[in-house]
Amino acid sequence: MTTQEDSRLLQACLPGLRRYARALAGALHADDLVQDTVERAWRKLEQRSGEMRPWLFSIMHNLHVDQLRRAGPPLQELDDDALLPAPERAPGQAIAIGEMDAALGRLPLGQREVILLVALEQMPYEQVAATLGIPVGTVMSRLSRGREKLRALLDGRPAGGHGVPTLKVVK
């Protein structure tokens, strides 16, 4: 491929990279993550095999994981479900973007990445698996668990698992 064709393909991926970076790293660090991704991709263009889009998202994923590792572990791991009050809204009211963003932020990183790539970037499971370097089955299980946890968080239920049914005493 020519450098001009590579440049066109890379530019076509920029809007998706920006969306994914904002969802992954937040608005404050998104532009830096996109710039680092594009810079690394351009330097390693000769090493690329396969499609441009999953390759770029894979680079971004790896850069983000490296940044998280360098930052060190969070100061304290807390169960957010026990600390935050359930959101209050009328039945049928649309979910606010901020509420969804907050719920996504409370998901484990692996689940959040899979949900963002499948739902936001509309990547097929096989591309998500290649991007994250995990099996397709892991993509499907993380997606399922992440969606369930999101539903629970948005419904105000504990997100640790399925609700425990209450039993009635029958006399």
N, C-alpha and C. Protein backbone atom coordinates (compact mmCIF):
# COMPACT_ATOMS: atom_id res chain seq x y z
N MET A 1 0.83 -1.19 0.00
CA MET A 1 0.00 0.00 0.00
C MET A 1 0.87 1.25 0.00
N THR A 2 0.36 2.27 -0.57
CA THR A 2 1.10 3.53 -0.60
C THR A 2 0.93 4.27 0.71
N THR A 3 1.84 5.17 0.97
CA THR A 3 1.75 5.99 2.17
C THR A 3 0.50 6.86 2.12
N GLN A 4 0.13 7.32 0.95
CA GLN A 4 -1.08 8.13 0.80
C GLN A 4 -2.33 7.31 1.17
N GLU A 5 -2.37 6.06 0.74
CA GLU A 5 -3.51 5.19 1.07
C GLU A 5 -3.55 4.90 2.57
N ASP A 6 -2.38 4.65 3.17
CA ASP A 6 -2.31 4.43 4.61
C ASP A 6 -2.79 5.66 5.37
N SER A 7 -2.39 6.83 4.91
CA SER A 7 -2.80 8.08 5.54
C SER A 7 -4.31 8.25 5.46
N ARG A 8 -4.90 7.93 4.32
CA ARG A 8 -6.36 8.03 4.16
C ARG A 8 -7.08 7.07 5.09
N LEU A 9 -6.59 5.84 5.18
CA LEU A 9 -7.20 4.84 6.07
C LEU A 9 -7.10 5.26 7.53
N LEU A 10 -5.93 5.78 7.91
CA LEU A 10 -5.73 6.23 9.28
C LEU A 10 -6.65 7.39 9.60
N GLN A 11 -6.77 8.35 8.71
CA GLN A 11 -7.64 9.50 8.94
C GLN A 11 -9.11 9.08 9.06
N ALA A 12 -9.50 8.07 8.31
CA ALA A 12 -10.89 7.60 8.38
C ALA A 12 -11.20 6.99 9.74
N CYS A 13 -10.19 6.53 10.44
CA CYS A 13 -10.39 5.90 11.75
C CYS A 13 -10.37 6.91 12.90
N LEU A 14 -9.97 8.13 12.65
CA LEU A 14 -9.82 9.12 13.73
C LEU A 14 -11.09 9.38 14.53
N PRO A 15 -12.26 9.56 13.91
CA PRO A 15 -13.45 9.81 14.74
C PRO A 15 -13.73 8.67 15.73
N GLY A 16 -13.59 7.44 15.28
CA GLY A 16 -13.80 6.30 16.18
C GLY A 16 -12.76 6.24 17.27
N LEU A 17 -11.51 6.52 16.93
CA LEU A 17 -10.45 6.55 17.94
C LEU A 17 -10.73 7.62 18.99
N ARG A 18 -11.21 8.77 18.55
CA ARG A 18 -11.52 9.84 19.50
C ARG A 18 -12.65 9.45 20.44
N ARG A 19 -13.71 8.84 19.87
CA ARG A 19 -14.83 8.41 20.72
C ARG A 19 -14.36 7.39 21.76
N TYR A 20 -13.61 6.41 21.30
CA TYR A 20 -13.14 5.35 22.20
C TYR A 20 -12.19 5.92 23.27
N ALA A 21 -11.31 6.83 22.88
CA ALA A 21 -10.37 7.44 23.83
C ALA A 21 -11.11 8.25 24.89
N ARG A 22 -12.14 9.00 24.47
CA ARG A 22 -12.92 9.78 25.45
C ARG A 22 -13.63 8.87 26.44
N ALA A 23 -14.17 7.77 25.93
CA ALA A 23 -14.88 6.85 26.81
C ALA A 23 -13.92 6.09 27.72
N LEU A 24 -12.74 5.79 27.21
CA LEU A 24 -11.76 5.04 27.99
C LEU A 24 -11.04 5.91 29.02
N ALA A 25 -10.52 7.03 28.55
CA ALA A 25 -9.61 7.83 29.38
C ALA A 25 -10.20 9.14 29.87
N GLY A 26 -11.40 9.48 29.42
CA GLY A 26 -11.99 10.75 29.81
C GLY A 26 -11.57 11.86 28.86
N ALA A 27 -12.33 12.94 28.88
CA ALA A 27 -12.10 14.04 27.95
C ALA A 27 -10.73 14.69 28.15
N LEU A 28 -10.26 14.72 29.38
CA LEU A 28 -9.00 15.39 29.69
C LEU A 28 -7.80 14.71 29.02
N HIS A 29 -7.81 13.39 28.94
CA HIS A 29 -6.66 12.64 28.43
C HIS A 29 -6.89 12.04 27.04
N ALA A 30 -8.07 12.21 26.49
CA ALA A 30 -8.41 11.56 25.22
C ALA A 30 -7.54 12.01 24.06
N ASP A 31 -7.34 13.31 23.93
CA ASP A 31 -6.54 13.81 22.80
C ASP A 31 -5.11 13.30 22.85
N ASP A 32 -4.54 13.24 24.05
CA ASP A 32 -3.18 12.71 24.18
C ASP A 32 -3.12 11.24 23.79
N LEU A 33 -4.14 10.48 24.19
CA LEU A 33 -4.17 9.06 23.86
C LEU A 33 -4.30 8.85 22.35
N VAL A 34 -5.13 9.65 21.70
CA VAL A 34 -5.27 9.56 20.24
C VAL A 34 -3.95 9.94 19.57
N GLN A 35 -3.34 11.02 20.02
CA GLN A 35 -2.08 11.46 19.41
C GLN A 35 -1.00 10.39 19.58
N ASP A 36 -0.88 9.81 20.77
CA ASP A 36 0.11 8.76 21.01
C ASP A 36 -0.17 7.55 20.12
N THR A 37 -1.45 7.23 19.95
CA THR A 37 -1.83 6.08 19.11
C THR A 37 -1.44 6.32 17.66
N VAL A 38 -1.77 7.49 17.13
CA VAL A 38 -1.46 7.80 15.73
C VAL A 38 0.05 7.86 15.52
N GLU A 39 0.75 8.44 16.46
CA GLU A 39 2.21 8.53 16.35
C GLU A 39 2.84 7.13 16.31
N ARG A 40 2.44 6.27 17.22
CA ARG A 40 2.99 4.92 17.24
C ARG A 40 2.61 4.15 15.98
N ALA A 41 1.38 4.31 15.55
CA ALA A 41 0.93 3.60 14.34
C ALA A 41 1.73 4.06 13.13
N TRP A 42 1.96 5.35 13.00
CA TRP A 42 2.68 5.86 11.84
C TRP A 42 4.12 5.34 11.82
N ARG A 43 4.75 5.27 13.01
CA ARG A 43 6.12 4.75 13.09
C ARG A 43 6.20 3.27 12.76
N LYS A 44 5.15 2.51 13.05
CA LYS A 44 5.17 1.06 12.87
C LYS A 44 4.30 0.60 11.71
N LEU A 45 4.05 1.50 10.78
CA LEU A 45 3.15 1.21 9.67
C LEU A 45 3.61 0.00 8.85
N GLU A 46 4.90 -0.17 8.69
CA GLU A 46 5.41 -1.29 7.91
C GLU A 46 5.15 -2.63 8.59
N GLN A 47 4.96 -2.63 9.90
CA GLN A 47 4.75 -3.86 10.66
C GLN A 47 3.28 -4.30 10.67
N ARG A 48 2.40 -3.44 10.18
CA ARG A 48 0.96 -3.74 10.23
C ARG A 48 0.63 -4.90 9.30
N SER A 49 -0.18 -5.78 9.85
CA SER A 49 -0.74 -6.85 9.01
C SER A 49 -2.24 -6.88 9.29
N GLY A 50 -3.04 -6.96 8.27
CA GLY A 50 -4.48 -6.97 8.47
C GLY A 50 -5.07 -5.58 8.33
N GLU A 51 -6.29 -5.46 8.83
CA GLU A 51 -7.05 -4.22 8.68
C GLU A 51 -6.51 -3.11 9.57
N MET A 52 -6.63 -1.89 9.11
CA MET A 52 -6.13 -0.72 9.83
C MET A 52 -6.90 -0.48 11.13
N ARG A 53 -8.23 -0.55 11.08
CA ARG A 53 -9.07 -0.16 12.23
C ARG A 53 -8.79 -1.00 13.47
N PRO A 54 -8.87 -2.35 13.42
CA PRO A 54 -8.59 -3.11 14.64
C PRO A 54 -7.14 -2.94 15.11
N TRP A 55 -6.24 -2.74 14.17
CA TRP A 55 -4.83 -2.55 14.53
C TRP A 55 -4.67 -1.25 15.33
N LEU A 56 -5.32 -0.17 14.89
CA LEU A 56 -5.24 1.10 15.61
C LEU A 56 -5.88 1.00 17.00
N PHE A 57 -7.03 0.35 17.08
CA PHE A 57 -7.69 0.21 18.38
C PHE A 57 -6.85 -0.66 19.32
N SER A 58 -6.15 -1.63 18.77
CA SER A 58 -5.27 -2.47 19.57
C SER A 58 -4.11 -1.64 20.13
N ILE A 59 -3.54 -0.79 19.30
CA ILE A 59 -2.47 0.10 19.77
C ILE A 59 -2.99 1.00 20.89
N MET A 60 -4.19 1.57 20.69
CA MET A 60 -4.75 2.45 21.71
C MET A 60 -5.01 1.69 23.01
N HIS A 61 -5.54 0.49 22.89
CA HIS A 61 -5.79 -0.33 24.08
C HIS A 61 -4.48 -0.57 24.84
N ASN A 62 -3.44 -0.97 24.12
CA ASN A 62 -2.16 -1.26 24.77
C ASN A 62 -1.55 -0.01 25.41
N LEU A 63 -1.64 1.12 24.73
CA LEU A 63 -1.15 2.38 25.30
C LEU A 63 -1.91 2.73 26.58
N HIS A 64 -3.22 2.56 26.55
CA HIS A 64 -4.04 2.88 27.72
C HIS A 64 -3.69 1.96 28.90
N VAL A 65 -3.53 0.69 28.63
CA VAL A 65 -3.15 -0.26 29.69
C VAL A 65 -1.78 0.10 30.25
N ASP A 66 -0.84 0.46 29.39
CA ASP A 66 0.49 0.88 29.84
C ASP A 66 0.40 2.11 30.74
N GLN A 67 -0.45 3.07 30.36
CA GLN A 67 -0.61 4.28 31.17
C GLN A 67 -1.20 3.95 32.54
N LEU A 68 -2.17 3.04 32.56
CA LEU A 68 -2.76 2.64 33.84
C LEU A 68 -1.73 1.95 34.73
N ARG A 69 -0.90 1.12 34.13
CA ARG A 69 0.15 0.43 34.90
C ARG A 69 1.15 1.43 35.47
N ARG A 70 1.55 2.40 34.66
CA ARG A 70 2.51 3.41 35.13
C ARG A 70 1.91 4.24 36.26
N ALA A 71 0.61 4.49 36.19
CA ALA A 71 -0.05 5.30 37.23
C ALA A 71 -0.12 4.55 38.56
N GLY A 72 0.00 3.23 38.52
CA GLY A 72 -0.05 2.44 39.74
C GLY A 72 -1.47 2.07 40.11
N PRO A 73 -1.60 1.25 41.14
CA PRO A 73 -2.94 0.82 41.55
C PRO A 73 -3.71 1.98 42.16
N PRO A 74 -5.04 1.90 42.10
CA PRO A 74 -5.84 2.94 42.74
C PRO A 74 -5.55 2.95 44.24
N LEU A 75 -5.74 4.10 44.85
CA LEU A 75 -5.43 4.22 46.26
C LEU A 75 -6.21 3.24 47.12
N GLN A 76 -7.47 3.05 46.80
CA GLN A 76 -8.28 2.17 47.60
C GLN A 76 -9.37 1.56 46.72
N GLU A 77 -9.46 0.25 46.74
CA GLU A 77 -10.50 -0.44 45.98
C GLU A 77 -11.74 -0.51 46.86
N LEU A 78 -12.80 0.18 46.45
CA LEU A 78 -14.04 0.17 47.20
C LEU A 78 -15.15 -0.38 46.33
N ASP A 79 -16.15 -0.94 46.96
CA ASP A 79 -17.32 -1.39 46.24
C ASP A 79 -18.24 -0.19 46.08
N ASP A 80 -18.20 0.41 44.90
CA ASP A 80 -18.99 1.62 44.64
C ASP A 80 -20.48 1.38 44.81
N ASP A 81 -20.92 0.15 44.60
CA ASP A 81 -22.34 -0.14 44.68
C ASP A 81 -22.89 0.16 46.08
N ALA A 82 -22.08 -0.01 47.09
CA ALA A 82 -22.53 0.22 48.45
C ALA A 82 -22.43 1.70 48.83
N LEU A 83 -21.64 2.48 48.09
CA LEU A 83 -21.39 3.86 48.47
C LEU A 83 -22.30 4.88 47.79
N LEU A 84 -22.68 4.62 46.56
CA LEU A 84 -23.45 5.61 45.82
C LEU A 84 -24.94 5.32 45.88
N PRO A 85 -25.73 6.36 46.07
CA PRO A 85 -27.18 6.14 46.08
C PRO A 85 -27.69 5.79 44.69
N ALA A 86 -28.78 5.09 44.66
CA ALA A 86 -29.39 4.72 43.37
C ALA A 86 -29.91 5.97 42.69
N PRO A 87 -29.75 6.08 41.38
CA PRO A 87 -30.28 7.26 40.69
C PRO A 87 -31.80 7.26 40.74
N GLU A 88 -32.36 8.46 40.90
CA GLU A 88 -33.81 8.57 40.95
C GLU A 88 -34.30 9.15 39.63
N ARG A 89 -35.27 8.48 39.03
CA ARG A 89 -35.88 8.99 37.81
C ARG A 89 -37.26 8.38 37.67
N ALA A 90 -38.09 9.10 36.95
CA ALA A 90 -39.45 8.64 36.74
C ALA A 90 -39.43 7.45 35.77
N PRO A 91 -40.38 6.53 35.91
CA PRO A 91 -40.44 5.41 34.97
C PRO A 91 -40.57 5.93 33.54
N GLY A 92 -39.81 5.35 32.64
CA GLY A 92 -39.87 5.74 31.24
C GLY A 92 -39.00 6.93 30.90
N GLN A 93 -38.39 7.56 31.89
CA GLN A 93 -37.54 8.71 31.63
C GLN A 93 -36.25 8.23 30.95
N ALA A 94 -35.80 8.94 29.98
CA ALA A 94 -34.58 8.56 29.26
C ALA A 94 -33.37 8.64 30.19
N ILE A 95 -32.44 7.75 29.96
CA ILE A 95 -31.21 7.74 30.75
C ILE A 95 -30.35 8.92 30.30
N ALA A 96 -29.92 9.72 31.25
CA ALA A 96 -29.07 10.85 30.93
C ALA A 96 -27.69 10.35 30.52
N ILE A 97 -27.06 11.08 29.63
CA ILE A 97 -25.73 10.69 29.16
C ILE A 97 -24.77 10.64 30.33
N GLY A 98 -24.85 11.58 31.22
CA GLY A 98 -23.96 11.59 32.38
C GLY A 98 -24.15 10.37 33.26
N GLU A 99 -25.38 9.95 33.40
CA GLU A 99 -25.69 8.76 34.21
C GLU A 99 -25.09 7.51 33.56
N MET A 100 -25.21 7.41 32.25
CA MET A 100 -24.63 6.27 31.54
C MET A 100 -23.11 6.30 31.63
N ASP A 101 -22.54 7.48 31.48
CA ASP A 101 -21.09 7.62 31.57
C ASP A 101 -20.59 7.22 32.95
N ALA A 102 -21.31 7.64 33.98
CA ALA A 102 -20.92 7.27 35.34
C ALA A 102 -21.03 5.76 35.55
N ALA A 103 -22.08 5.16 35.02
CA ALA A 103 -22.25 3.71 35.16
C ALA A 103 -21.16 2.97 34.40
N LEU A 104 -20.82 3.43 33.21
CA LEU A 104 -19.73 2.80 32.45
C LEU A 104 -18.42 2.90 33.22
N GLY A 105 -18.20 4.05 33.86
CA GLY A 105 -16.97 4.24 34.64
C GLY A 105 -16.86 3.31 35.82
N ARG A 106 -17.96 2.77 36.28
CA ARG A 106 -17.95 1.86 37.43
C ARG A 106 -17.74 0.41 37.03
N LEU A 107 -17.74 0.13 35.74
CA LEU A 107 -17.49 -1.24 35.27
C LEU A 107 -16.01 -1.55 35.34
N PRO A 108 -15.67 -2.82 35.52
CA PRO A 108 -14.25 -3.21 35.40
C PRO A 108 -13.76 -2.87 34.00
N LEU A 109 -12.47 -2.56 33.88
CA LEU A 109 -11.90 -2.11 32.62
C LEU A 109 -12.18 -3.08 31.47
N GLY A 110 -12.00 -4.37 31.68
CA GLY A 110 -12.22 -5.35 30.62
C GLY A 110 -13.64 -5.33 30.09
N GLN A 111 -14.62 -5.21 30.98
CA GLN A 111 -16.02 -5.15 30.56
C GLN A 111 -16.31 -3.83 29.84
N ARG A 112 -15.75 -2.74 30.37
CA ARG A 112 -15.99 -1.43 29.76
C ARG A 112 -15.41 -1.38 28.35
N GLU A 113 -14.20 -1.90 28.16
CA GLU A 113 -13.59 -1.90 26.83
C GLU A 113 -14.43 -2.67 25.83
N VAL A 114 -14.89 -3.85 26.21
CA VAL A 114 -15.67 -4.68 25.30
C VAL A 114 -16.99 -3.98 24.95
N ILE A 115 -17.67 -3.44 25.94
CA ILE A 115 -18.94 -2.75 25.68
C ILE A 115 -18.74 -1.56 24.76
N LEU A 116 -17.69 -0.79 24.99
CA LEU A 116 -17.44 0.38 24.15
C LEU A 116 -17.13 -0.02 22.71
N LEU A 117 -16.32 -1.05 22.54
CA LEU A 117 -15.97 -1.46 21.18
C LEU A 117 -17.16 -2.06 20.44
N VAL A 118 -17.97 -2.84 21.14
CA VAL A 118 -19.12 -3.47 20.49
C VAL A 118 -20.25 -2.46 20.28
N ALA A 119 -20.60 -1.72 21.31
CA ALA A 119 -21.76 -0.82 21.24
C ALA A 119 -21.43 0.51 20.57
N LEU A 120 -20.34 1.13 20.98
CA LEU A 120 -20.01 2.46 20.47
C LEU A 120 -19.37 2.39 19.09
N GLU A 121 -18.41 1.48 18.92
CA GLU A 121 -17.69 1.38 17.65
C GLU A 121 -18.28 0.33 16.71
N GLN A 122 -19.25 -0.43 17.19
CA GLN A 122 -19.95 -1.44 16.40
C GLN A 122 -18.98 -2.42 15.73
N MET A 123 -17.98 -2.82 16.49
CA MET A 123 -17.02 -3.81 15.98
C MET A 123 -17.60 -5.20 16.15
N PRO A 124 -17.35 -6.08 15.19
CA PRO A 124 -17.75 -7.48 15.37
C PRO A 124 -16.90 -8.12 16.47
N TYR A 125 -17.44 -9.15 17.10
CA TYR A 125 -16.75 -9.81 18.21
C TYR A 125 -15.33 -10.23 17.83
N GLU A 126 -15.14 -10.71 16.60
CA GLU A 126 -13.82 -11.18 16.17
C GLU A 126 -12.81 -10.04 16.16
N GLN A 127 -13.24 -8.85 15.72
CA GLN A 127 -12.34 -7.69 15.72
C GLN A 127 -12.05 -7.23 17.14
N VAL A 128 -13.05 -7.27 18.00
CA VAL A 128 -12.83 -6.90 19.40
C VAL A 128 -11.82 -7.85 20.03
N ALA A 129 -11.98 -9.14 19.77
CA ALA A 129 -11.04 -10.14 20.30
C ALA A 129 -9.63 -9.87 19.81
N ALA A 130 -9.48 -9.57 18.52
CA ALA A 130 -8.16 -9.29 17.97
C ALA A 130 -7.58 -8.00 18.55
N THR A 131 -8.42 -7.00 18.71
CA THR A 131 -7.99 -5.71 19.25
C THR A 131 -7.47 -5.85 20.68
N LEU A 132 -8.19 -6.60 21.50
CA LEU A 132 -7.84 -6.73 22.92
C LEU A 132 -6.92 -7.91 23.20
N GLY A 133 -6.71 -8.77 22.19
CA GLY A 133 -5.85 -9.93 22.38
C GLY A 133 -6.45 -10.98 23.31
N ILE A 134 -7.76 -11.18 23.17
CA ILE A 134 -8.46 -12.17 24.00
C ILE A 134 -9.31 -13.06 23.10
N PRO A 135 -9.71 -14.25 23.59
CA PRO A 135 -10.58 -15.11 22.77
C PRO A 135 -11.97 -14.51 22.58
N VAL A 136 -12.65 -14.92 21.52
CA VAL A 136 -14.00 -14.45 21.22
C VAL A 136 -14.95 -14.81 22.37
N GLY A 137 -14.79 -15.99 22.95
CA GLY A 137 -15.64 -16.39 24.07
C GLY A 137 -15.51 -15.44 25.25
N THR A 138 -14.31 -14.94 25.50
CA THR A 138 -14.09 -13.97 26.57
C THR A 138 -14.79 -12.66 26.25
N VAL A 139 -14.77 -12.26 24.98
CA VAL A 139 -15.48 -11.05 24.55
C VAL A 139 -16.96 -11.20 24.88
N MET A 140 -17.53 -12.35 24.51
CA MET A 140 -18.97 -12.57 24.73
C MET A 140 -19.30 -12.60 26.22
N SER A 141 -18.47 -13.22 27.04
CA SER A 141 -18.79 -13.29 28.47
C SER A 141 -18.62 -11.92 29.13
N ARG A 142 -17.57 -11.18 28.76
CA ARG A 142 -17.40 -9.83 29.32
C ARG A 142 -18.54 -8.91 28.89
N LEU A 143 -18.98 -9.06 27.66
CA LEU A 143 -20.09 -8.25 27.17
C LEU A 143 -21.36 -8.57 27.96
N SER A 144 -21.62 -9.84 28.15
CA SER A 144 -22.82 -10.25 28.89
C SER A 144 -22.78 -9.76 30.34
N ARG A 145 -21.66 -9.99 31.01
CA ARG A 145 -21.55 -9.53 32.41
C ARG A 145 -21.59 -8.02 32.50
N GLY A 146 -20.93 -7.33 31.55
CA GLY A 146 -20.93 -5.87 31.57
C GLY A 146 -22.31 -5.29 31.34
N ARG A 147 -23.06 -5.87 30.40
CA ARG A 147 -24.42 -5.39 30.16
C ARG A 147 -25.30 -5.60 31.38
N GLU A 148 -25.17 -6.75 32.02
CA GLU A 148 -25.98 -7.02 33.22
C GLU A 148 -25.62 -6.05 34.34
N LYS A 149 -24.34 -5.79 34.52
CA LYS A 149 -23.93 -4.86 35.57
C LYS A 149 -24.42 -3.44 35.24
N LEU A 150 -24.36 -3.05 33.96
CA LEU A 150 -24.88 -1.74 33.57
C LEU A 150 -26.37 -1.62 33.87
N ARG A 151 -27.12 -2.67 33.50
CA ARG A 151 -28.56 -2.67 33.79
C ARG A 151 -28.81 -2.49 35.28
N ALA A 152 -28.06 -3.23 36.08
CA ALA A 152 -28.23 -3.15 37.52
C ALA A 152 -27.89 -1.75 38.03
N LEU A 153 -26.80 -1.20 37.58
CA LEU A 153 -26.40 0.14 38.03
C LEU A 153 -27.43 1.19 37.63
N LEU A 154 -27.94 1.09 36.42
CA LEU A 154 -28.92 2.08 35.94
C LEU A 154 -30.29 1.90 36.57
N ASP A 155 -30.58 0.67 37.02
CA ASP A 155 -31.85 0.40 37.71
C ASP A 155 -31.76 0.65 39.21
N GLY A 156 -30.56 0.94 39.70
CA GLY A 156 -30.37 1.16 41.13
C GLY A 156 -30.27 -0.10 41.94
N ARG A 157 -30.03 -1.23 41.28
CA ARG A 157 -29.85 -2.50 41.99
C ARG A 157 -28.37 -2.70 42.28
N PRO A 158 -28.04 -3.54 43.28
CA PRO A 158 -26.64 -3.89 43.49
C PRO A 158 -26.10 -4.56 42.22
N ALA A 159 -24.91 -4.17 41.82
CA ALA A 159 -24.37 -4.65 40.55
C ALA A 159 -23.54 -5.91 40.69
N GLY A 160 -23.46 -6.46 41.86
CA GLY A 160 -22.62 -7.63 42.08
C GLY A 160 -23.18 -8.89 41.48
N GLY A 161 -24.44 -8.97 41.28
CA GLY A 161 -25.04 -10.18 40.74
C GLY A 161 -26.52 -10.00 40.54
N HIS A 162 -27.19 -11.06 40.37
CA HIS A 162 -28.64 -11.02 40.16
C HIS A 162 -29.31 -10.85 41.51
N GLY A 163 -30.42 -10.16 41.52
CA GLY A 163 -31.13 -9.93 42.76
C GLY A 163 -31.56 -11.24 43.41
N VAL A 164 -31.44 -11.30 44.71
CA VAL A 164 -31.86 -12.50 45.42
C VAL A 164 -33.36 -12.45 45.60
N PRO A 165 -34.07 -13.47 45.12
CA PRO A 165 -35.53 -13.42 45.26
C PRO A 165 -35.92 -13.55 46.72
N THR A 166 -36.98 -12.85 47.07
CA THR A 166 -37.47 -12.97 48.44
C THR A 166 -38.55 -14.04 48.46
N LEU A 167 -38.57 -14.81 49.54
CA LEU A 167 -39.53 -15.89 49.67
C LEU A 167 -40.67 -15.45 50.55
N LYS A 168 -41.87 -15.86 50.17
CA LYS A 168 -43.04 -15.55 50.97
C LYS A 168 -43.33 -16.76 51.85
N VAL A 169 -43.78 -16.48 53.03
CA VAL A 169 -44.18 -17.56 53.93
C VAL A 169 -45.63 -17.87 53.64
N VAL A 170 -45.91 -19.10 53.31
CA VAL A 170 -47.27 -19.54 53.00
C VAL A 170 -47.77 -20.35 54.18
N LYS A 171 -48.94 -20.00 54.70
CA LYS A 171 -49.47 -20.73 55.86
C LYS A 171 -50.58 -21.64 55.45
